[in-house]
Amino acid sequence: MPNSSSKKHKEYCKEYHRTHRELWKVSMRRHALKLVGWCMELYDARFKEQNGLCAICGKPSVRNLDADHEHVEPPIPRGLLCRTCNGGLGYFQDNPELLRKAADYIEFYRR
């Protein structure tokens, strides 16, 4: 059976997150961006540069654009991508040759 101070702490945390939801979301966003080599200021500047559009397909995203980065240590920021384009790069392991082969494949079957 949990002790009462542990239970009170959980209740406090739950209430804190409920009443400070926006502050908590910003804090979590800053942390997530930092893990991939970005900061909020760079994200905001790049978002403005790209006019809120995906750097690959040029479409606006209904959600936040993903902060794309080179998968090196430390991560190097690239551009902002929609979820679909970011996922596509991930599935092709950021491999330009594989992406070219995929494009050739699509073009071959369009004829």
Protein backbone atom coordinates (compact mmCIF):
# COMPACT_ATOMS: atom_id res chain seq x y z
CA MET A 1 0.00 0.00 0.00
CA PRO A 2 1.54 3.37 -1.02
CA ASN A 3 2.36 5.78 1.75
CA SER A 4 0.31 8.97 2.03
CA SER A 5 3.18 11.35 1.13
CA SER A 6 3.74 9.49 -2.15
CA LYS A 7 0.04 9.69 -2.91
CA LYS A 8 -0.04 13.40 -2.06
CA HIS A 9 2.97 14.01 -4.30
CA LYS A 10 1.28 12.26 -7.23
CA GLU A 11 -1.87 14.31 -6.68
CA TYR A 12 0.20 17.50 -6.51
CA CYS A 13 1.98 16.66 -9.77
CA LYS A 14 -1.28 15.82 -11.51
CA GLU A 15 -2.81 19.12 -10.38
CA TYR A 16 0.33 21.08 -11.33
CA HIS A 17 0.33 19.67 -14.87
CA ARG A 18 -3.38 20.39 -15.21
CA THR A 19 -3.04 24.03 -14.11
CA HIS A 20 0.31 24.71 -15.85
CA ARG A 21 -0.32 22.76 -19.05
CA GLU A 22 0.94 25.42 -21.48
CA LEU A 23 4.12 26.06 -19.49
CA TRP A 24 4.73 22.31 -19.29
CA LYS A 25 4.18 21.91 -23.07
CA VAL A 26 6.70 24.67 -23.87
CA SER A 27 9.23 23.14 -21.50
CA MET A 28 8.82 19.70 -23.08
CA ARG A 29 9.08 21.20 -26.59
CA ARG A 30 12.33 23.01 -25.70
CA HIS A 31 13.74 19.77 -24.32
CA ALA A 32 12.73 17.74 -27.40
CA LEU A 33 14.27 20.32 -29.76
CA LYS A 34 17.49 20.42 -27.74
CA LEU A 35 17.88 16.64 -28.14
CA VAL A 36 18.06 17.04 -31.94
CA GLY A 37 20.33 20.11 -32.01
CA TRP A 38 17.65 22.79 -32.22
CA CYS A 39 16.43 25.59 -29.93
CA MET A 40 13.09 27.42 -29.97
CA GLU A 41 14.68 30.56 -31.43
CA LEU A 42 16.21 28.66 -34.36
CA TYR A 43 12.93 26.79 -34.92
CA ASP A 44 10.96 30.06 -34.98
CA ALA A 45 13.45 31.72 -37.36
CA ARG A 46 13.45 28.72 -39.73
CA PHE A 47 9.65 28.54 -39.58
CA LYS A 48 9.49 32.18 -40.65
CA GLU A 49 12.10 31.64 -43.43
CA GLN A 50 10.06 28.71 -44.78
CA ASN A 51 6.77 30.64 -44.42
CA GLY A 52 5.41 27.77 -42.30
CA LEU A 53 5.82 25.33 -45.19
CA CYS A 54 7.59 21.98 -45.41
CA ALA A 55 11.11 22.38 -46.88
CA ILE A 56 10.51 19.39 -49.21
CA CYS A 57 6.90 19.33 -50.38
CA GLY A 58 6.08 22.98 -49.69
CA LYS A 59 2.79 22.20 -47.99
CA PRO A 60 1.69 23.73 -44.69
CA SER A 61 1.42 21.33 -41.80
CA VAL A 62 -1.72 21.11 -39.70
CA ARG A 63 0.58 20.33 -36.75
CA ASN A 64 3.99 21.73 -35.93
CA LEU A 65 6.62 21.02 -38.57
CA ASP A 66 9.25 18.49 -37.51
CA ALA A 67 12.76 19.79 -36.79
CA ASP A 68 14.89 17.75 -39.20
CA HIS A 69 18.54 17.11 -38.38
CA GLU A 70 21.58 15.20 -39.56
CA HIS A 71 21.96 12.03 -37.55
CA VAL A 72 25.49 12.72 -36.31
CA GLU A 73 26.85 13.52 -32.86
CA PRO A 74 26.03 16.25 -32.05
CA PRO A 75 22.95 16.53 -34.30
CA ILE A 76 23.08 19.27 -36.94
CA PRO A 77 19.82 21.10 -37.74
CA ARG A 78 18.67 21.12 -41.38
CA GLY A 79 15.13 22.35 -42.07
CA LEU A 80 11.53 21.96 -40.99
CA LEU A 81 9.53 19.14 -42.56
CA CYS A 82 5.97 17.89 -42.46
CA ARG A 83 5.46 14.57 -40.73
CA THR A 84 5.17 12.71 -44.06
CA CYS A 85 8.41 14.05 -45.58
CA ASN A 86 10.32 13.64 -42.33
CA GLY A 87 9.14 10.05 -42.05
CA GLY A 88 10.06 9.39 -45.68
CA LEU A 89 13.63 10.56 -45.12
CA GLY A 90 13.80 8.37 -42.05
CA TYR A 91 12.54 5.29 -43.87
CA PHE A 92 15.16 5.85 -46.57
CA GLN A 93 17.81 6.34 -43.83
CA ASP A 94 18.79 9.79 -45.21
CA ASN A 95 20.44 7.93 -48.11
CA PRO A 96 20.42 10.10 -51.28
CA GLU A 97 21.23 7.14 -53.56
CA LEU A 98 18.33 5.14 -52.17
CA LEU A 99 16.02 8.15 -52.58
CA ARG A 100 17.15 8.54 -56.23
CA LYS A 101 16.46 4.85 -56.86
CA ALA A 102 13.00 5.25 -55.34
CA ALA A 103 12.33 8.25 -57.61
CA ASP A 104 13.52 6.26 -60.66
CA TYR A 105 11.22 3.41 -59.65
CA ILE A 106 8.19 5.73 -59.39
CA GLU A 107 9.02 7.38 -62.73
CA PHE A 108 9.48 4.00 -64.44
CA TYR A 109 5.98 2.87 -63.48
CA ARG A 110 4.36 6.20 -64.40
CA ARG A 111 5.14 5.68 -68.11
